[in-house]
């Protein structure tokens, strides 16, 4: 589980460094949550495959489902000067 956490933080750091969004949009979070709720590995809002809490995992755009039900999304942030 600690390996999963560390790799997640590296992805977040990488996304921030190169200007990608870290947090998923609310619509994407909702779609991910609905898919997780149908999954047999989701028990009490925790993924039994990776050990992550569902709410934490679905909120990060840089994360993906361990069984590839949904994937990570890299979108550039829009910077208005």
Protein backbone atom coordinates (compact mmCIF):
# COMPACT_ATOMS: atom_id res chain seq x y z
CA UNK A 1 0.00 0.00 0.00
CA UNK A 2 2.85 2.41 0.71
CA UNK A 3 4.16 1.79 -2.82
CA UNK A 4 0.76 2.78 -4.25
CA UNK A 5 0.77 5.98 -2.21
CA UNK A 6 4.31 6.91 -3.25
CA UNK A 7 3.64 6.30 -6.95
CA UNK A 8 0.47 8.39 -6.70
CA UNK A 9 2.39 11.27 -5.19
CA UNK A 10 5.07 11.02 -7.91
CA UNK A 11 2.34 11.23 -10.58
CA UNK A 12 0.85 14.28 -8.84
CA UNK A 13 4.26 15.93 -8.62
CA UNK A 14 4.93 15.18 -12.29
CA UNK A 15 1.55 16.59 -13.35
CA UNK A 16 2.07 19.80 -11.37
CA UNK A 17 5.59 20.20 -12.71
CA UNK A 18 4.49 19.96 -16.34
CA UNK A 19 1.28 21.98 -16.00
CA UNK A 20 -1.33 19.24 -16.02
CA UNK A 21 -4.47 19.22 -13.90
CA UNK A 22 -4.14 17.20 -10.73
CA UNK A 23 -7.76 17.13 -9.62
CA UNK A 24 -10.45 15.50 -11.72
CA UNK A 25 -13.53 17.47 -12.74
CA UNK A 26 -16.68 16.80 -10.67
CA UNK A 27 -18.36 15.04 -13.62
CA UNK A 28 -15.38 12.72 -14.03
CA UNK A 29 -15.31 12.01 -10.29
CA UNK A 30 -18.99 11.12 -10.35
CA UNK A 31 -18.56 8.79 -13.32
CA UNK A 32 -15.59 7.09 -11.66
CA UNK A 33 -17.46 6.69 -8.38
CA UNK A 34 -20.45 5.11 -10.13
CA UNK A 35 -18.17 2.59 -11.84
CA UNK A 36 -16.41 1.80 -8.57
CA UNK A 37 -19.69 1.16 -6.80
CA UNK A 38 -20.49 -1.59 -9.34
CA UNK A 39 -17.10 -3.26 -8.92
CA UNK A 40 -16.80 -6.43 -6.80
CA UNK A 41 -13.46 -5.18 -5.41
CA UNK A 42 -15.08 -2.07 -3.88
CA UNK A 43 -16.04 -2.73 -0.27
CA UNK A 44 -17.16 0.12 2.00
CA UNK A 45 -15.56 2.73 -0.29
CA UNK A 46 -12.18 1.02 -0.33
CA UNK A 47 -10.58 -0.76 -3.27
CA UNK A 48 -9.48 -4.27 -2.33
CA UNK A 49 -7.13 -4.48 -5.34
CA UNK A 50 -4.88 -1.53 -4.47
CA UNK A 51 -6.02 -0.69 -0.93
CA UNK A 52 -6.86 2.92 -1.75
CA UNK A 53 -9.83 4.83 -0.47
CA UNK A 54 -12.21 5.36 -3.37
CA UNK A 55 -12.88 9.04 -2.64
CA UNK A 56 -9.16 9.86 -2.69
CA UNK A 57 -8.46 7.88 -5.84
CA UNK A 58 -11.37 9.18 -7.93
CA UNK A 59 -10.55 12.80 -7.12
CA UNK A 60 -7.08 12.66 -8.70
CA UNK A 61 -6.97 12.94 -12.48
CA UNK A 62 -3.54 11.30 -12.41
CA UNK A 63 -4.89 8.01 -11.02
CA UNK A 64 -6.45 5.02 -12.72
CA UNK A 65 -8.35 1.94 -11.63
CA UNK A 66 -6.08 -1.06 -10.93
CA UNK A 67 -8.30 -3.29 -13.10
CA UNK A 68 -8.54 -0.58 -15.81
CA UNK A 69 -12.25 0.18 -15.38
CA UNK A 70 -11.35 3.87 -15.75
CA UNK A 71 -8.08 5.51 -16.75
CA UNK A 72 -5.99 8.51 -15.75
CA UNK A 73 -6.53 11.75 -17.61
CA UNK A 74 -3.84 14.29 -18.41
CA UNK A 75 -5.26 17.69 -19.37
CA UNK A 76 -3.24 20.87 -19.58
CA UNK A 77 -4.27 23.63 -17.24
CA UNK A 78 -5.46 26.81 -18.84
CA UNK A 79 -3.42 29.78 -17.66
CA UNK A 80 -4.97 33.21 -18.08
CA UNK A 81 -2.51 36.06 -17.81
